Amino acid sequence: MPLSRGTVNPLSVLGLRRLSFIPEHFATITIAGNGTSKEIDNWINFNLNGRYALKRTLVVNQHNKLTEMLEIGLEDPAELTMLSLGCPHLHNKEKDIF
């Protein structure tokens, strides 16, 4: 159960919840990464339960320019839906979601 429901995740206590890489079986979303990784990390820790990874990457956008993006990977696809619908840090008019 997430912290928002008043319980501590055992993976968080052991330091095994956030990964430094995104495994193949994780569901991913890529957003414009303008310094929001800490806010998104806090939101995921408080509201979601599964393992996750945040990774900065470079992507060529629709204007053929290289831009820095933030790739978010979650083990449970249902939690990716919850993240995309509920996280206020993803819903900014100036950010692109791919």
PDB file of N, CA and C in Angstrom:
ATOM      1  N   MET A   1       0.843  -1.182   0.000  1.00  0.00           N
ATOM      2  CA  MET A   1       0.000   0.000   0.000  1.00  0.00           C
ATOM      3  C   MET A   1       0.885   1.240   0.000  1.00  0.00           C
ATOM      4  N   PRO A   2       0.454   2.278  -0.680  1.00  0.00           N
ATOM      5  CA  PRO A   2       1.245   3.509  -0.729  1.00  0.00           C
ATOM      6  C   PRO A   2       1.134   4.322   0.563  1.00  0.00           C
ATOM      7  N   LEU A   3       2.036   5.283   0.690  1.00  0.00           N
ATOM      8  CA  LEU A   3       2.030   6.153   1.873  1.00  0.00           C
ATOM      9  C   LEU A   3       0.740   6.938   2.011  1.00  0.00           C
ATOM     10  N   SER A   4       0.063   7.232   0.896  1.00  0.00           N
ATOM     11  CA  SER A   4      -1.179   7.995   0.976  1.00  0.00           C
ATOM     12  C   SER A   4      -2.260   7.236   1.740  1.00  0.00           C
ATOM     13  N   ARG A   5      -2.100   5.911   1.867  1.00  0.00           N
ATOM     14  CA  ARG A   5      -3.049   5.101   2.632  1.00  0.00           C
ATOM     15  C   ARG A   5      -2.519   4.750   4.012  1.00  0.00           C
ATOM     16  N   GLY A   6      -1.377   5.321   4.371  1.00  0.00           N
ATOM     17  CA  GLY A   6      -0.866   5.165   5.719  1.00  0.00           C
ATOM     18  C   GLY A   6      -0.015   3.940   5.977  1.00  0.00           C
ATOM     19  N   THR A   7       0.479   3.283   4.927  1.00  0.00           N
ATOM     20  CA  THR A   7       1.346   2.126   5.135  1.00  0.00           C
ATOM     21  C   THR A   7       2.671   2.344   4.411  1.00  0.00           C
ATOM     22  N   VAL A   8       3.704   1.711   4.927  1.00  0.00           N
ATOM     23  CA  VAL A   8       5.038   1.836   4.357  1.00  0.00           C
ATOM     24  C   VAL A   8       5.286   0.652   3.430  1.00  0.00           C
ATOM     25  N   ASN A   9       5.888   0.918   2.281  1.00  0.00           N
ATOM     26  CA  ASN A   9       6.216  -0.124   1.324  1.00  0.00           C
ATOM     27  C   ASN A   9       7.515  -0.805   1.752  1.00  0.00           C
ATOM     28  N   PRO A  10       7.536  -2.138   1.896  1.00  0.00           N
ATOM     29  CA  PRO A  10       8.762  -2.831   2.302  1.00  0.00           C
ATOM     30  C   PRO A  10       9.916  -2.626   1.320  1.00  0.00           C
ATOM     31  N   LEU A  11       9.621  -2.508   0.016  1.00  0.00           N
ATOM     32  CA  LEU A  11      10.676  -2.269  -0.961  1.00  0.00           C
ATOM     33  C   LEU A  11      11.343  -0.915  -0.740  1.00  0.00           C
ATOM     34  N   SER A  12      10.574   0.071  -0.318  1.00  0.00           N
ATOM     35  CA  SER A  12      11.144   1.392  -0.033  1.00  0.00           C
ATOM     36  C   SER A  12      12.060   1.349   1.179  1.00  0.00           C
ATOM     37  N   VAL A  13      11.664   0.590   2.189  1.00  0.00           N
ATOM     38  CA  VAL A  13      12.469   0.482   3.404  1.00  0.00           C
ATOM     39  C   VAL A  13      13.821  -0.154   3.087  1.00  0.00           C
ATOM     40  N   LEU A  14      13.818  -1.162   2.211  1.00  0.00           N
ATOM     41  CA  LEU A  14      15.046  -1.859   1.843  1.00  0.00           C
ATOM     42  C   LEU A  14      15.840  -1.142   0.755  1.00  0.00           C
ATOM     43  N   GLY A  15      15.287  -0.075   0.189  1.00  0.00           N
ATOM     44  CA  GLY A  15      15.968   0.661  -0.871  1.00  0.00           C
ATOM     45  C   GLY A  15      15.961  -0.059  -2.206  1.00  0.00           C
ATOM     46  N   LEU A  16      14.956  -0.900  -2.440  1.00  0.00           N
ATOM     47  CA  LEU A  16      14.876  -1.692  -3.671  1.00  0.00           C
ATOM     48  C   LEU A  16      13.751  -1.251  -4.605  1.00  0.00           C
ATOM     49  N   ARG A  17      13.071  -0.198  -4.272  1.00  0.00           N
ATOM     50  CA  ARG A  17      11.913   0.201  -5.064  1.00  0.00           C
ATOM     51  C   ARG A  17      12.290   0.990  -6.307  1.00  0.00           C
ATOM     52  N   ARG A  18      13.167   1.975  -6.185  1.00  0.00           N
ATOM     53  CA  ARG A  18      13.581   2.767  -7.339  1.00  0.00           C
ATOM     54  C   ARG A  18      14.810   2.114  -7.967  1.00  0.00           C
ATOM     55  N   LEU A  19      14.715   1.850  -9.263  1.00  0.00           N
ATOM     56  CA  LEU A  19      15.800   1.221 -10.003  1.00  0.00           C
ATOM     57  C   LEU A  19      16.589   2.275 -10.766  1.00  0.00           C
ATOM     58  N   SER A  20      17.830   1.961 -11.087  1.00  0.00           N
ATOM     59  CA  SER A  20      18.675   2.890 -11.841  1.00  0.00           C
ATOM     60  C   SER A  20      18.575   2.663 -13.348  1.00  0.00           C
ATOM     61  N   PHE A  21      17.827   1.662 -13.765  1.00  0.00           N
ATOM     62  CA  PHE A  21      17.629   1.362 -15.180  1.00  0.00           C
ATOM     63  C   PHE A  21      16.169   0.937 -15.367  1.00  0.00           C
ATOM     64  N   ILE A  22      15.715   0.927 -16.634  1.00  0.00           N
ATOM     65  CA  ILE A  22      14.337   0.534 -16.923  1.00  0.00           C
ATOM     66  C   ILE A  22      14.353  -0.843 -17.585  1.00  0.00           C
ATOM     67  N   PRO A  23      13.899  -1.886 -16.894  1.00  0.00           N
ATOM     68  CA  PRO A  23      13.847  -3.215 -17.496  1.00  0.00           C
ATOM     69  C   PRO A  23      12.846  -3.278 -18.652  1.00  0.00           C
ATOM     70  N   GLU A  24      12.988  -4.282 -19.489  1.00  0.00           N
ATOM     71  CA  GLU A  24      12.138  -4.412 -20.680  1.00  0.00           C
ATOM     72  C   GLU A  24      10.663  -4.585 -20.344  1.00  0.00           C
ATOM     73  N   HIS A  25      10.338  -5.240 -19.248  1.00  0.00           N
ATOM     74  CA  HIS A  25       8.942  -5.531 -18.942  1.00  0.00           C
ATOM     75  C   HIS A  25       8.225  -4.353 -18.277  1.00  0.00           C
ATOM     76  N   PHE A  26       8.899  -3.260 -18.002  1.00  0.00           N
ATOM     77  CA  PHE A  26       8.256  -2.085 -17.422  1.00  0.00           C
ATOM     78  C   PHE A  26       7.464  -1.337 -18.495  1.00  0.00           C
ATOM     79  N   ALA A  27       6.326  -0.772 -18.096  1.00  0.00           N
ATOM     80  CA  ALA A  27       5.563   0.129 -18.960  1.00  0.00           C
ATOM     81  C   ALA A  27       6.189   1.517 -18.818  1.00  0.00           C
ATOM     82  N   THR A  28       6.357   2.236 -19.946  1.00  0.00           N
ATOM     83  CA  THR A  28       7.067   3.519 -19.903  1.00  0.00           C
ATOM     84  C   THR A  28       6.238   4.649 -20.493  1.00  0.00           C
ATOM     85  N   ILE A  29       6.586   5.841 -20.064  1.00  0.00           N
ATOM     86  CA  ILE A  29       6.056   7.079 -20.631  1.00  0.00           C
ATOM     87  C   ILE A  29       7.226   8.057 -20.681  1.00  0.00           C
ATOM     88  N   THR A  30       7.257   8.876 -21.715  1.00  0.00           N
ATOM     89  CA  THR A  30       8.325   9.860 -21.874  1.00  0.00           C
ATOM     90  C   THR A  30       7.714  11.250 -21.848  1.00  0.00           C
ATOM     91  N   ILE A  31       8.275  12.123 -20.999  1.00  0.00           N
ATOM     92  CA  ILE A  31       7.779  13.491 -20.886  1.00  0.00           C
ATOM     93  C   ILE A  31       8.957  14.454 -21.015  1.00  0.00           C
ATOM     94  N   ALA A  32       8.643  15.717 -21.261  1.00  0.00           N
ATOM     95  CA  ALA A  32       9.682  16.745 -21.295  1.00  0.00           C
ATOM     96  C   ALA A  32      10.247  16.882 -19.889  1.00  0.00           C
ATOM     97  N   GLY A  33      11.558  16.737 -19.748  1.00  0.00           N
ATOM     98  CA  GLY A  33      12.170  16.716 -18.419  1.00  0.00           C
ATOM     99  C   GLY A  33      12.821  18.023 -18.063  1.00  0.00           C
ATOM    100  N   ASN A  34      12.034  18.979 -17.618  1.00  0.00           N
ATOM    101  CA  ASN A  34      12.556  20.293 -17.250  1.00  0.00           C
ATOM    102  C   ASN A  34      12.619  20.426 -15.735  1.00  0.00           C
ATOM    103  N   GLY A  35      13.417  19.575 -15.097  1.00  0.00           N
ATOM    104  CA  GLY A  35      13.606  19.698 -13.660  1.00  0.00           C
ATOM    105  C   GLY A  35      12.481  19.170 -12.812  1.00  0.00           C
ATOM    106  N   THR A  36      11.598  18.330 -13.356  1.00  0.00           N
ATOM    107  CA  THR A  36      10.465  17.833 -12.588  1.00  0.00           C
ATOM    108  C   THR A  36      10.687  16.439 -12.031  1.00  0.00           C
ATOM    109  N   SER A  37      11.863  15.867 -12.198  1.00  0.00           N
ATOM    110  CA  SER A  37      12.070  14.480 -11.780  1.00  0.00           C
ATOM    111  C   SER A  37      11.921  14.306 -10.270  1.00  0.00           C
ATOM    112  N   LYS A  38      12.364  15.241  -9.473  1.00  0.00           N
ATOM    113  CA  LYS A  38      12.243  15.145  -8.014  1.00  0.00           C
ATOM    114  C   LYS A  38      10.771  15.188  -7.596  1.00  0.00           C
ATOM    115  N   GLU A  39       9.987  16.060  -8.217  1.00  0.00           N
ATOM    116  CA  GLU A  39       8.566  16.164  -7.896  1.00  0.00           C
ATOM    117  C   GLU A  39       7.825  14.895  -8.280  1.00  0.00           C
ATOM    118  N   ILE A  40       8.140  14.349  -9.453  1.00  0.00           N
ATOM    119  CA  ILE A  40       7.501  13.122  -9.904  1.00  0.00           C
ATOM    120  C   ILE A  40       7.926  11.956  -9.020  1.00  0.00           C
ATOM    121  N   ASP A  41       9.193  11.915  -8.640  1.00  0.00           N
ATOM    122  CA  ASP A  41       9.695  10.874  -7.745  1.00  0.00           C
ATOM    123  C   ASP A  41       8.937  10.902  -6.420  1.00  0.00           C
ATOM    124  N   ASN A  42       8.745  12.067  -5.855  1.00  0.00           N
ATOM    125  CA  ASN A  42       7.992  12.200  -4.602  1.00  0.00           C
ATOM    126  C   ASN A  42       6.542  11.755  -4.777  1.00  0.00           C
ATOM    127  N   TRP A  43       5.918  12.132  -5.916  1.00  0.00           N
ATOM    128  CA  TRP A  43       4.525  11.760  -6.163  1.00  0.00           C
ATOM    129  C   TRP A  43       4.400  10.242  -6.280  1.00  0.00           C
ATOM    130  N   ILE A  44       5.313   9.602  -7.009  1.00  0.00           N
ATOM    131  CA  ILE A  44       5.283   8.140  -7.162  1.00  0.00           C
ATOM    132  C   ILE A  44       5.466   7.465  -5.808  1.00  0.00           C
ATOM    133  N   ASN A  45       6.416   7.932  -5.000  1.00  0.00           N
ATOM    134  CA  ASN A  45       6.649   7.338  -3.676  1.00  0.00           C
ATOM    135  C   ASN A  45       5.433   7.448  -2.772  1.00  0.00           C
ATOM    136  N   PHE A  46       4.710   8.547  -2.871  1.00  0.00           N
ATOM    137  CA  PHE A  46       3.575   8.779  -1.984  1.00  0.00           C
ATOM    138  C   PHE A  46       2.307   8.072  -2.458  1.00  0.00           C
ATOM    139  N   ASN A  47       2.093   7.966  -3.786  1.00  0.00           N
ATOM    140  CA  ASN A  47       0.806   7.500  -4.305  1.00  0.00           C
ATOM    141  C   ASN A  47       0.807   6.114  -4.947  1.00  0.00           C
ATOM    142  N   LEU A  48       1.943   5.607  -5.359  1.00  0.00           N
ATOM    143  CA  LEU A  48       1.983   4.311  -6.040  1.00  0.00           C
ATOM    144  C   LEU A  48       2.721   3.289  -5.189  1.00  0.00           C
ATOM    145  N   ASN A  49       2.649   2.020  -5.604  1.00  0.00           N
ATOM    146  CA  ASN A  49       3.154   0.958  -4.763  1.00  0.00           C
ATOM    147  C   ASN A  49       4.291   0.143  -5.376  1.00  0.00           C
ATOM    148  N   GLY A  50       4.358   0.001  -6.691  1.00  0.00           N
ATOM    149  CA  GLY A  50       5.312  -0.902  -7.332  1.00  0.00           C
ATOM    150  C   GLY A  50       6.685  -0.300  -7.549  1.00  0.00           C
ATOM    151  N   ARG A  51       7.562  -1.117  -8.154  1.00  0.00           N
ATOM    152  CA  ARG A  51       8.903  -0.653  -8.488  1.00  0.00           C
ATOM    153  C   ARG A  51       8.827   0.307  -9.674  1.00  0.00           C
ATOM    154  N   TYR A  52       9.796   1.225  -9.746  1.00  0.00           N
ATOM    155  CA  TYR A  52       9.805   2.223 -10.811  1.00  0.00           C
ATOM    156  C   TYR A  52      11.228   2.666 -11.101  1.00  0.00           C
ATOM    157  N   ALA A  53      11.387   3.364 -12.225  1.00  0.00           N
ATOM    158  CA  ALA A  53      12.687   3.915 -12.601  1.00  0.00           C
ATOM    159  C   ALA A  53      12.459   5.230 -13.331  1.00  0.00           C
ATOM    160  N   LEU A  54      13.355   6.187 -13.101  1.00  0.00           N
ATOM    161  CA  LEU A  54      13.359   7.471 -13.799  1.00  0.00           C
ATOM    162  C   LEU A  54      14.694   7.589 -14.515  1.00  0.00           C
ATOM    163  N   LYS A  55      14.653   7.938 -15.808  1.00  0.00           N
ATOM    164  CA  LYS A  55      15.881   8.009 -16.588  1.00  0.00           C
ATOM    165  C   LYS A  55      15.812   9.200 -17.538  1.00  0.00           C
ATOM    166  N   ARG A  56      16.850  10.011 -17.530  1.00  0.00           N
ATOM    167  CA  ARG A  56      16.950  11.122 -18.476  1.00  0.00           C
ATOM    168  C   ARG A  56      17.446  10.576 -19.813  1.00  0.00           C
ATOM    169  N   THR A  57      16.859  11.057 -20.895  1.00  0.00           N
ATOM    170  CA  THR A  57      17.235  10.600 -22.230  1.00  0.00           C
ATOM    171  C   THR A  57      17.124  11.758 -23.205  1.00  0.00           C
ATOM    172  N   LEU A  58      17.760  11.628 -24.358  1.00  0.00           N
ATOM    173  CA  LEU A  58      17.685  12.638 -25.406  1.00  0.00           C
ATOM    174  C   LEU A  58      16.826  12.112 -26.551  1.00  0.00           C
ATOM    175  N   VAL A  59      15.912  12.971 -27.051  1.00  0.00           N
ATOM    176  CA  VAL A  59      14.977  12.583 -28.104  1.00  0.00           C
ATOM    177  C   VAL A  59      14.933  13.703 -29.139  1.00  0.00           C
ATOM    178  N   VAL A  60      14.781  13.332 -30.408  1.00  0.00           N
ATOM    179  CA  VAL A  60      14.580  14.317 -31.467  1.00  0.00           C
ATOM    180  C   VAL A  60      13.090  14.633 -31.513  1.00  0.00           C
ATOM    181  N   ASN A  61      12.734  15.919 -31.309  1.00  0.00           N
ATOM    182  CA  ASN A  61      11.320  16.297 -31.278  1.00  0.00           C
ATOM    183  C   ASN A  61      10.775  16.549 -32.676  1.00  0.00           C
ATOM    184  N   GLN A  62       9.540  17.014 -32.768  1.00  0.00           N
ATOM    185  CA  GLN A  62       8.874  17.228 -34.062  1.00  0.00           C
ATOM    186  C   GLN A  62       9.501  18.351 -34.873  1.00  0.00           C
ATOM    187  N   HIS A  63      10.333  19.190 -34.253  1.00  0.00           N
ATOM    188  CA  HIS A  63      11.021  20.280 -34.963  1.00  0.00           C
ATOM    189  C   HIS A  63      12.458  19.898 -35.303  1.00  0.00           C
ATOM    190  N   ASN A  64      12.777  18.603 -35.232  1.00  0.00           N
ATOM    191  CA  ASN A  64      14.107  18.063 -35.517  1.00  0.00           C
ATOM    192  C   ASN A  64      15.194  18.674 -34.633  1.00  0.00           C
ATOM    193  N   LYS A  65      14.855  18.903 -33.386  1.00  0.00           N
ATOM    194  CA  LYS A  65      15.827  19.400 -32.401  1.00  0.00           C
ATOM    195  C   LYS A  65      15.978  18.372 -31.302  1.00  0.00           C
ATOM    196  N   LEU A  66      17.181  18.275 -30.794  1.00  0.00           N
ATOM    197  CA  LEU A  66      17.483  17.348 -29.725  1.00  0.00           C
ATOM    198  C   LEU A  66      17.026  17.949 -28.395  1.00  0.00           C
ATOM    199  N   THR A  67      16.150  17.256 -27.687  1.00  0.00           N
ATOM    200  CA  THR A  67      15.636  17.756 -26.413  1.00  0.00           C
ATOM    201  C   THR A  67      15.834  16.712 -25.323  1.00  0.00           C
ATOM    202  N   GLU A  68      16.012  17.183 -24.114  1.00  0.00           N
ATOM    203  CA  GLU A  68      16.154  16.291 -22.976  1.00  0.00           C
ATOM    204  C   GLU A  68      14.768  15.886 -22.480  1.00  0.00           C
ATOM    205  N   MET A  69      14.561  14.594 -22.327  1.00  0.00           N
ATOM    206  CA  MET A  69      13.276  14.063 -21.894  1.00  0.00           C
ATOM    207  C   MET A  69      13.489  13.216 -20.644  1.00  0.00           C
ATOM    208  N   LEU A  70      12.421  12.972 -19.942  1.00  0.00           N
ATOM    209  CA  LEU A  70      12.440  12.112 -18.768  1.00  0.00           C
ATOM    210  C   LEU A  70      11.594  10.887 -19.081  1.00  0.00           C
ATOM    211  N   GLU A  71      12.205   9.718 -19.026  1.00  0.00           N
ATOM    212  CA  GLU A  71      11.499   8.463 -19.256  1.00  0.00           C
ATOM    213  C   GLU A  71      11.160   7.857 -17.905  1.00  0.00           C
ATOM    214  N   ILE A  72       9.880   7.560 -17.708  1.00  0.00           N
ATOM    215  CA  ILE A  72       9.393   6.996 -16.462  1.00  0.00           C
ATOM    216  C   ILE A  72       8.946   5.566 -16.749  1.00  0.00           C
ATOM    217  N   GLY A  73       9.492   4.627 -16.017  1.00  0.00           N
ATOM    218  CA  GLY A  73       9.112   3.231 -16.177  1.00  0.00           C
ATOM    219  C   GLY A  73       8.506   2.698 -14.894  1.00  0.00           C
ATOM    220  N   LEU A  74       7.358   2.043 -15.029  1.00  0.00           N
ATOM    221  CA  LEU A  74       6.673   1.455 -13.878  1.00  0.00           C
ATOM    222  C   LEU A  74       6.425  -0.027 -14.146  1.00  0.00           C
ATOM    223  N   GLU A  75       6.574  -0.839 -13.119  1.00  0.00           N
ATOM    224  CA  GLU A  75       6.420  -2.282 -13.287  1.00  0.00           C
ATOM    225  C   GLU A  75       4.973  -2.667 -13.592  1.00  0.00           C
ATOM    226  N   ASP A  76       4.034  -1.996 -12.986  1.00  0.00           N
ATOM    227  CA  ASP A  76       2.616  -2.310 -13.164  1.00  0.00           C
ATOM    228  C   ASP A  76       1.984  -1.322 -14.143  1.00  0.00           C
ATOM    229  N   PRO A  77       1.454  -1.795 -15.296  1.00  0.00           N
ATOM    230  CA  PRO A  77       0.835  -0.865 -16.261  1.00  0.00           C
ATOM    231  C   PRO A  77      -0.351  -0.103 -15.685  1.00  0.00           C
ATOM    232  N   ALA A  78      -1.055  -0.672 -14.720  1.00  0.00           N
ATOM    233  CA  ALA A  78      -2.172   0.038 -14.093  1.00  0.00           C
ATOM    234  C   ALA A  78      -1.669   1.270 -13.340  1.00  0.00           C
ATOM    235  N   GLU A  79      -0.494   1.166 -12.753  1.00  0.00           N
ATOM    236  CA  GLU A  79       0.075   2.323 -12.057  1.00  0.00           C
ATOM    237  C   GLU A  79       0.525   3.395 -13.041  1.00  0.00           C
ATOM    238  N   LEU A  80       0.911   3.005 -14.250  1.00  0.00           N
ATOM    239  CA  LEU A  80       1.250   3.997 -15.269  1.00  0.00           C
ATOM    240  C   LEU A  80       0.009   4.796 -15.661  1.00  0.00           C
ATOM    241  N   THR A  81      -1.131   4.123 -15.722  1.00  0.00           N
ATOM    242  CA  THR A  81      -2.392   4.820 -15.985  1.00  0.00           C
ATOM    243  C   THR A  81      -2.708   5.788 -14.852  1.00  0.00           C
ATOM    244  N   MET A  82      -2.527   5.340 -13.616  1.00  0.00           N
ATOM    245  CA  MET A  82      -2.770   6.200 -12.462  1.00  0.00           C
ATOM    246  C   MET A  82      -1.837   7.407 -12.470  1.00  0.00           C
ATOM    247  N   LEU A  83      -0.575   7.186 -12.832  1.00  0.00           N
ATOM    248  CA  LEU A  83       0.393   8.281 -12.918  1.00  0.00           C
ATOM    249  C   LEU A  83      -0.014   9.290 -13.987  1.00  0.00           C
ATOM    250  N   SER A  84      -0.378   8.803 -15.161  1.00  0.00           N
ATOM    251  CA  SER A  84      -0.703   9.723 -16.251  1.00  0.00           C
ATOM    252  C   SER A  84      -2.000  10.489 -15.999  1.00  0.00           C
ATOM    253  N   LEU A  85      -2.921   9.917 -15.240  1.00  0.00           N
ATOM    254  CA  LEU A  85      -4.173  10.610 -14.940  1.00  0.00           C
ATOM    255  C   LEU A  85      -4.100  11.480 -13.690  1.00  0.00           C
ATOM    256  N   GLY A  86      -3.306  11.056 -12.700  1.00  0.00           N
ATOM    257  CA  GLY A  86      -3.359  11.726 -11.408  1.00  0.00           C
ATOM    258  C   GLY A  86      -2.210  12.634 -11.047  1.00  0.00           C
ATOM    259  N   CYS A  87      -1.069  12.503 -11.703  1.00  0.00           N
ATOM    260  CA  CYS A  87       0.085  13.301 -11.305  1.00  0.00           C
ATOM    261  C   CYS A  87      -0.036  14.729 -11.844  1.00  0.00           C
ATOM    262  N   PRO A  88      -0.105  15.728 -10.980  1.00  0.00           N
ATOM    263  CA  PRO A  88      -0.251  17.106 -11.450  1.00  0.00           C
ATOM    264  C   PRO A  88       1.003  17.654 -12.126  1.00  0.00           C
ATOM    265  N   HIS A  89       2.160  17.022 -11.912  1.00  0.00           N
ATOM    266  CA  HIS A  89       3.406  17.502 -12.498  1.00  0.00           C
ATOM    267  C   HIS A  89       3.534  17.126 -13.968  1.00  0.00           C
ATOM    268  N   LEU A  90       2.673  16.233 -14.447  1.00  0.00           N
ATOM    269  CA  LEU A  90       2.690  15.849 -15.860  1.00  0.00           C
ATOM    270  C   LEU A  90       1.791  16.744 -16.700  1.00  0.00           C
ATOM    271  N   HIS A  91       0.837  17.410 -16.065  1.00  0.00           N
ATOM    272  CA  HIS A  91      -0.171  18.167 -16.790  1.00  0.00           C
ATOM    273  C   HIS A  91       0.152  19.651 -16.801  1.00  0.00           C
ATOM    274  N   ASN A  92       1.164  19.998 -17.565  1.00  0.00           N
ATOM    275  CA  ASN A  92       1.571  21.384 -17.736  1.00  0.00           C
ATOM    276  C   ASN A  92       1.466  21.683 -19.224  1.00  0.00           C
ATOM    277  N   LYS A  93       0.924  22.821 -19.601  1.00  0.00           N
ATOM    278  CA  LYS A  93       0.688  23.139 -21.003  1.00  0.00           C
ATOM    279  C   LYS A  93       1.963  23.171 -21.842  1.00  0.00           C
ATOM    280  N   GLU A  94       3.108  23.489 -21.241  1.00  0.00           N
ATOM    281  CA  GLU A  94       4.319  23.620 -22.017  1.00  0.00           C
ATOM    282  C   GLU A  94       5.111  22.312 -22.137  1.00  0.00           C
ATOM    283  N   LYS A  95       4.615  21.234 -21.546  1.00  0.00           N
ATOM    284  CA  LYS A  95       5.321  19.964 -21.610  1.00  0.00           C
ATOM    285  C   LYS A  95       4.675  19.051 -22.642  1.00  0.00           C
ATOM    286  N   ASP A  96       5.480  18.266 -23.316  1.00  0.00           N
ATOM    287  CA  ASP A  96       4.998  17.301 -24.301  1.00  0.00           C
ATOM    288  C   ASP A  96       5.028  15.914 -23.699  1.00  0.00           C
ATOM    289  N   ILE A  97       3.971  15.141 -23.927  1.00  0.00           N
ATOM    290  CA  ILE A  97       3.948  13.748 -23.509  1.00  0.00           C
ATOM    291  C   ILE A  97       3.934  12.902 -24.761  1.00  0.00           C
ATOM    292  N   PHE A  98       4.863  11.982 -24.847  1.00  0.00           N
ATOM    293  CA  PHE A  98       4.936  11.088 -26.000  1.00  0.00           C
ATOM    294  C   PHE A  98       4.509   9.704 -25.619  1.00  0.00           C
TER     295      PHE A  98
END
